[in-house]
Amino acid sequence: NEVLAEIERRKALYCPQPALYSLEGKTAIITDDGLASGYTMVAAIKSVERQGATRVVVASPVASGKAYSLIKPMCDYMACIVVSHSYPFWVASFYGCWHDLTDEEVNGYLKKLQ
C-alpha cells in the first residue's frame, strides 16, 4: 500500500530513534492541516492505538465529507471547523498560502524543537 509505505518512509526519516515517551494509557491528539481522503489519519489512529493510547482526539481545520465520515467513528472526539462536500476537494483551496513541506523543511522544524 502506497500510503503505508510513505508513512514508514517519513517515520524512518523524521523519527530515527525510538520514541522517548509512551502513549500507554494516555490521550493522543492527532492534528492535520486538512483531511482529503482520510487514509493517512486512519493509519495515524491505528498507530497510536497500537502504542496503547486509550483515547484518540483528531483535530483538523478542514475535511472532505468522505474523510469526516470515515474518521469520526474511529476516534473519541473530532474537531473540524469546515466539512466540505464539494467535489473535487483540495485541502489547499482552503488556505491563502499553501505549499507542501519538503523533508528538509520538516527536519529543520523538528530540530528546532530539540
N, C-alpha and C. Protein backbone atom coordinates (compact mmCIF):
# COMPACT_ATOMS: atom_id res chain seq x y z
N ASN A 1 0.84 -1.18 0.00
CA ASN A 1 0.00 0.00 0.00
C ASN A 1 0.89 1.24 0.00
N GLU A 2 0.62 2.17 -0.90
CA GLU A 2 1.44 3.38 -1.03
C GLU A 2 1.40 4.27 0.19
N VAL A 3 0.23 4.41 0.82
CA VAL A 3 0.10 5.27 1.99
C VAL A 3 0.95 4.73 3.13
N LEU A 4 0.88 3.43 3.39
CA LEU A 4 1.67 2.84 4.48
C LEU A 4 3.16 2.94 4.18
N ALA A 5 3.54 2.76 2.94
CA ALA A 5 4.96 2.89 2.57
C ALA A 5 5.45 4.31 2.81
N GLU A 6 4.63 5.31 2.48
CA GLU A 6 5.02 6.71 2.71
C GLU A 6 5.10 7.01 4.20
N ILE A 7 4.20 6.46 4.98
CA ILE A 7 4.25 6.66 6.44
C ILE A 7 5.53 6.07 7.00
N GLU A 8 5.88 4.87 6.58
CA GLU A 8 7.11 4.23 7.06
C GLU A 8 8.35 5.02 6.62
N ARG A 9 8.34 5.56 5.40
CA ARG A 9 9.46 6.36 4.92
C ARG A 9 9.64 7.60 5.79
N ARG A 10 8.52 8.29 6.05
CA ARG A 10 8.60 9.50 6.86
C ARG A 10 8.98 9.19 8.30
N LYS A 11 8.46 8.11 8.83
CA LYS A 11 8.79 7.73 10.21
C LYS A 11 10.29 7.47 10.34
N ALA A 12 10.87 6.77 9.38
CA ALA A 12 12.30 6.49 9.41
C ALA A 12 13.12 7.76 9.25
N LEU A 13 12.64 8.68 8.42
CA LEU A 13 13.37 9.92 8.16
C LEU A 13 13.24 10.93 9.29
N TYR A 14 12.03 11.10 9.82
CA TYR A 14 11.77 12.13 10.82
C TYR A 14 11.99 11.65 12.26
N CYS A 15 11.86 10.38 12.50
CA CYS A 15 11.97 9.84 13.86
C CYS A 15 12.90 8.64 13.88
N PRO A 16 14.20 8.83 13.62
CA PRO A 16 15.11 7.69 13.52
C PRO A 16 15.34 6.95 14.83
N GLN A 17 15.10 7.62 15.96
CA GLN A 17 15.30 6.99 17.26
C GLN A 17 13.96 6.53 17.81
N PRO A 18 13.99 5.51 18.66
CA PRO A 18 12.73 5.10 19.30
C PRO A 18 12.14 6.27 20.09
N ALA A 19 10.83 6.28 20.19
CA ALA A 19 10.15 7.36 20.92
C ALA A 19 10.65 7.44 22.36
N LEU A 20 10.78 8.66 22.85
CA LEU A 20 11.23 8.89 24.22
C LEU A 20 10.05 8.98 25.19
N TYR A 21 8.88 8.67 24.71
CA TYR A 21 7.67 8.79 25.51
C TYR A 21 6.80 7.57 25.27
N SER A 22 5.85 7.40 26.12
CA SER A 22 4.91 6.29 25.98
C SER A 22 3.49 6.85 25.85
N LEU A 23 2.70 6.25 24.99
CA LEU A 23 1.30 6.63 24.86
C LEU A 23 0.40 5.74 25.71
N GLU A 24 0.98 4.77 26.37
CA GLU A 24 0.22 3.82 27.16
C GLU A 24 -0.68 4.53 28.17
N GLY A 25 -2.01 4.32 28.02
CA GLY A 25 -2.98 4.88 28.95
C GLY A 25 -3.23 6.37 28.79
N LYS A 26 -2.74 6.97 27.72
CA LYS A 26 -2.87 8.42 27.53
C LYS A 26 -3.82 8.76 26.40
N THR A 27 -4.17 10.04 26.33
CA THR A 27 -4.96 10.56 25.22
C THR A 27 -4.00 11.05 24.15
N ALA A 28 -4.19 10.59 22.92
CA ALA A 28 -3.39 11.05 21.79
C ALA A 28 -4.20 12.09 21.03
N ILE A 29 -3.59 13.24 20.77
CA ILE A 29 -4.23 14.27 19.96
C ILE A 29 -3.46 14.32 18.64
N ILE A 30 -4.17 14.00 17.56
CA ILE A 30 -3.55 13.94 16.24
C ILE A 30 -4.10 15.09 15.41
N THR A 31 -3.20 15.87 14.82
CA THR A 31 -3.63 17.02 14.01
C THR A 31 -3.19 16.84 12.56
N ASP A 32 -3.91 17.50 11.68
CA ASP A 32 -3.55 17.53 10.27
C ASP A 32 -4.07 18.84 9.71
N ASP A 33 -3.37 19.41 8.73
CA ASP A 33 -3.82 20.68 8.16
C ASP A 33 -5.07 20.53 7.30
N GLY A 34 -5.43 19.31 6.97
CA GLY A 34 -6.64 19.05 6.22
C GLY A 34 -6.74 17.57 5.88
N LEU A 35 -7.95 17.08 5.80
CA LEU A 35 -8.18 15.67 5.52
C LEU A 35 -8.90 15.55 4.18
N ALA A 36 -8.20 15.03 3.18
CA ALA A 36 -8.82 14.85 1.87
C ALA A 36 -9.47 13.47 1.80
N SER A 37 -8.67 12.42 1.72
CA SER A 37 -9.23 11.07 1.70
C SER A 37 -9.44 10.55 3.12
N GLY A 38 -8.56 10.96 4.04
CA GLY A 38 -8.63 10.50 5.42
C GLY A 38 -7.78 9.28 5.70
N TYR A 39 -7.19 8.67 4.67
CA TYR A 39 -6.47 7.41 4.88
C TYR A 39 -5.20 7.56 5.70
N THR A 40 -4.51 8.69 5.57
CA THR A 40 -3.32 8.90 6.39
C THR A 40 -3.72 9.03 7.86
N MET A 41 -4.85 9.68 8.14
CA MET A 41 -5.33 9.80 9.52
C MET A 41 -5.75 8.43 10.06
N VAL A 42 -6.34 7.59 9.23
CA VAL A 42 -6.69 6.23 9.67
C VAL A 42 -5.44 5.52 10.14
N ALA A 43 -4.36 5.62 9.36
CA ALA A 43 -3.10 4.98 9.74
C ALA A 43 -2.55 5.57 11.04
N ALA A 44 -2.67 6.89 11.21
CA ALA A 44 -2.18 7.53 12.44
C ALA A 44 -2.99 7.06 13.65
N ILE A 45 -4.30 6.96 13.49
CA ILE A 45 -5.14 6.50 14.59
C ILE A 45 -4.78 5.08 14.98
N LYS A 46 -4.63 4.22 13.99
CA LYS A 46 -4.26 2.82 14.28
C LYS A 46 -2.90 2.74 14.96
N SER A 47 -1.99 3.61 14.55
CA SER A 47 -0.65 3.62 15.14
C SER A 47 -0.68 3.98 16.62
N VAL A 48 -1.40 5.05 16.98
CA VAL A 48 -1.43 5.46 18.39
C VAL A 48 -2.20 4.45 19.23
N GLU A 49 -3.19 3.80 18.64
CA GLU A 49 -3.92 2.75 19.37
C GLU A 49 -3.00 1.56 19.64
N ARG A 50 -2.18 1.18 18.65
CA ARG A 50 -1.22 0.08 18.85
C ARG A 50 -0.20 0.44 19.93
N GLN A 51 0.07 1.73 20.09
CA GLN A 51 1.03 2.17 21.10
C GLN A 51 0.39 2.33 22.48
N GLY A 52 -0.90 2.00 22.60
CA GLY A 52 -1.54 1.99 23.90
C GLY A 52 -2.36 3.20 24.28
N ALA A 53 -2.56 4.13 23.37
CA ALA A 53 -3.41 5.29 23.69
C ALA A 53 -4.82 4.81 24.01
N THR A 54 -5.40 5.34 25.07
CA THR A 54 -6.75 4.92 25.45
C THR A 54 -7.83 5.83 24.89
N ARG A 55 -7.45 7.05 24.51
CA ARG A 55 -8.39 7.98 23.86
C ARG A 55 -7.68 8.61 22.67
N VAL A 56 -8.44 8.85 21.61
CA VAL A 56 -7.88 9.48 20.41
C VAL A 56 -8.73 10.68 20.05
N VAL A 57 -8.07 11.83 19.95
CA VAL A 57 -8.73 13.08 19.54
C VAL A 57 -8.10 13.48 18.21
N VAL A 58 -8.93 13.80 17.23
CA VAL A 58 -8.46 14.24 15.92
C VAL A 58 -8.87 15.70 15.73
N ALA A 59 -7.91 16.52 15.28
CA ALA A 59 -8.19 17.94 15.04
C ALA A 59 -7.67 18.32 13.66
N SER A 60 -8.56 18.91 12.87
CA SER A 60 -8.20 19.38 11.55
C SER A 60 -9.13 20.54 11.20
N PRO A 61 -8.60 21.62 10.64
CA PRO A 61 -9.48 22.74 10.33
C PRO A 61 -10.46 22.44 9.20
N VAL A 62 -10.11 21.52 8.29
CA VAL A 62 -10.96 21.24 7.14
C VAL A 62 -10.88 19.76 6.76
N ALA A 63 -12.00 19.23 6.31
CA ALA A 63 -12.05 17.83 5.86
C ALA A 63 -13.09 17.69 4.77
N SER A 64 -12.85 16.74 3.90
CA SER A 64 -13.89 16.40 2.93
C SER A 64 -14.98 15.65 3.69
N GLY A 65 -16.19 15.67 3.16
CA GLY A 65 -17.28 14.93 3.80
C GLY A 65 -16.95 13.46 3.93
N LYS A 66 -16.32 12.90 2.90
CA LYS A 66 -15.94 11.49 2.91
C LYS A 66 -14.94 11.20 4.04
N ALA A 67 -13.92 12.04 4.15
CA ALA A 67 -12.90 11.84 5.20
C ALA A 67 -13.52 11.99 6.59
N TYR A 68 -14.36 12.99 6.76
CA TYR A 68 -15.00 13.21 8.05
C TYR A 68 -15.83 11.98 8.45
N SER A 69 -16.60 11.45 7.52
CA SER A 69 -17.43 10.27 7.80
C SER A 69 -16.59 9.04 8.10
N LEU A 70 -15.43 8.95 7.48
CA LEU A 70 -14.53 7.82 7.72
C LEU A 70 -13.87 7.91 9.10
N ILE A 71 -13.40 9.09 9.47
CA ILE A 71 -12.61 9.28 10.69
C ILE A 71 -13.45 9.39 11.95
N LYS A 72 -14.56 10.10 11.90
CA LYS A 72 -15.35 10.38 13.11
C LYS A 72 -15.64 9.13 13.94
N PRO A 73 -16.09 8.01 13.35
CA PRO A 73 -16.38 6.84 14.19
C PRO A 73 -15.14 6.16 14.77
N MET A 74 -13.97 6.51 14.25
CA MET A 74 -12.74 5.86 14.69
C MET A 74 -12.09 6.54 15.89
N CYS A 75 -12.55 7.73 16.25
CA CYS A 75 -11.90 8.46 17.33
C CYS A 75 -12.92 8.83 18.41
N ASP A 76 -12.40 9.24 19.56
CA ASP A 76 -13.27 9.61 20.68
C ASP A 76 -13.85 11.02 20.51
N TYR A 77 -13.09 11.89 19.82
CA TYR A 77 -13.57 13.24 19.58
C TYR A 77 -12.90 13.74 18.31
N MET A 78 -13.67 14.46 17.49
CA MET A 78 -13.11 15.03 16.27
C MET A 78 -13.49 16.50 16.19
N ALA A 79 -12.49 17.36 16.10
CA ALA A 79 -12.71 18.79 15.94
C ALA A 79 -12.38 19.16 14.50
N CYS A 80 -13.37 19.70 13.80
CA CYS A 80 -13.19 20.09 12.41
C CYS A 80 -14.08 21.30 12.14
N ILE A 81 -13.49 22.39 11.72
CA ILE A 81 -14.23 23.63 11.52
C ILE A 81 -15.09 23.57 10.25
N VAL A 82 -14.51 23.08 9.16
CA VAL A 82 -15.21 23.03 7.88
C VAL A 82 -15.24 21.60 7.35
N VAL A 83 -16.43 21.10 7.08
CA VAL A 83 -16.60 19.82 6.40
C VAL A 83 -17.20 20.15 5.04
N SER A 84 -16.41 19.89 4.01
CA SER A 84 -16.82 20.28 2.66
C SER A 84 -17.32 19.07 1.87
N HIS A 85 -18.44 19.25 1.23
CA HIS A 85 -18.99 18.19 0.39
C HIS A 85 -18.82 18.53 -1.09
N SER A 86 -17.97 19.52 -1.38
CA SER A 86 -17.73 19.89 -2.77
C SER A 86 -16.78 18.88 -3.43
N TYR A 87 -16.92 18.75 -4.73
CA TYR A 87 -16.06 17.87 -5.48
C TYR A 87 -15.57 18.61 -6.71
N PRO A 88 -14.32 18.58 -7.05
CA PRO A 88 -13.27 17.89 -6.31
C PRO A 88 -12.88 18.66 -5.05
N PHE A 89 -12.27 17.96 -4.11
CA PHE A 89 -11.87 18.54 -2.83
C PHE A 89 -10.35 18.65 -2.80
N TRP A 90 -9.85 19.84 -2.52
CA TRP A 90 -8.42 20.06 -2.32
C TRP A 90 -8.22 20.83 -1.03
N VAL A 91 -7.42 20.29 -0.13
CA VAL A 91 -7.11 20.98 1.12
C VAL A 91 -6.56 22.37 0.84
N ALA A 92 -5.68 22.47 -0.15
CA ALA A 92 -5.02 23.75 -0.46
C ALA A 92 -6.01 24.86 -0.80
N SER A 93 -7.18 24.52 -1.29
CA SER A 93 -8.14 25.56 -1.68
C SER A 93 -8.72 26.30 -0.47
N PHE A 94 -8.49 25.82 0.74
CA PHE A 94 -8.98 26.46 1.95
C PHE A 94 -7.93 27.36 2.60
N TYR A 95 -6.77 27.49 1.97
CA TYR A 95 -5.68 28.28 2.52
C TYR A 95 -5.30 29.40 1.55
N GLY A 96 -4.94 30.56 2.10
CA GLY A 96 -4.48 31.67 1.28
C GLY A 96 -3.08 31.44 0.74
N CYS A 97 -2.27 30.75 1.51
CA CYS A 97 -0.89 30.45 1.12
C CYS A 97 -0.64 28.99 1.45
N TRP A 98 -0.24 28.21 0.46
CA TRP A 98 -0.10 26.77 0.67
C TRP A 98 1.07 26.23 -0.12
N HIS A 99 1.86 25.39 0.51
CA HIS A 99 2.83 24.56 -0.21
C HIS A 99 3.13 23.35 0.65
N ASP A 100 3.42 22.25 -0.01
CA ASP A 100 3.81 21.05 0.71
C ASP A 100 5.22 21.24 1.24
N LEU A 101 5.43 20.83 2.49
CA LEU A 101 6.76 20.95 3.07
C LEU A 101 7.68 19.88 2.51
N THR A 102 8.93 20.25 2.29
CA THR A 102 9.94 19.27 1.87
C THR A 102 10.42 18.52 3.11
N ASP A 103 11.07 17.41 2.89
CA ASP A 103 11.65 16.65 4.01
C ASP A 103 12.65 17.51 4.77
N GLU A 104 13.41 18.33 4.06
CA GLU A 104 14.40 19.20 4.71
C GLU A 104 13.72 20.23 5.62
N GLU A 105 12.59 20.79 5.16
CA GLU A 105 11.87 21.77 5.99
C GLU A 105 11.34 21.10 7.26
N VAL A 106 10.77 19.92 7.12
CA VAL A 106 10.23 19.20 8.28
C VAL A 106 11.34 18.92 9.28
N ASN A 107 12.45 18.38 8.80
CA ASN A 107 13.57 18.09 9.70
C ASN A 107 14.11 19.35 10.35
N GLY A 108 14.11 20.46 9.63
CA GLY A 108 14.55 21.73 10.21
C GLY A 108 13.67 22.15 11.36
N TYR A 109 12.35 22.03 11.18
CA TYR A 109 11.41 22.37 12.26
C TYR A 109 11.57 21.42 13.45
N LEU A 110 11.74 20.14 13.16
CA LEU A 110 11.90 19.16 14.25
C LEU A 110 13.16 19.43 15.06
N LYS A 111 14.24 19.83 14.39
CA LYS A 111 15.49 20.13 15.09
C LYS A 111 15.32 21.33 16.02
N LYS A 112 14.50 22.29 15.62
CA LYS A 112 14.24 23.46 16.47
C LYS A 112 13.54 23.06 17.76
N LEU A 113 12.81 21.96 17.76
CA LEU A 113 12.09 21.52 18.95
C LEU A 113 12.98 20.81 19.96
N GLN A 114 14.13 20.37 19.52
CA GLN A 114 15.03 19.59 20.41
C GLN A 114 15.80 20.47 21.33
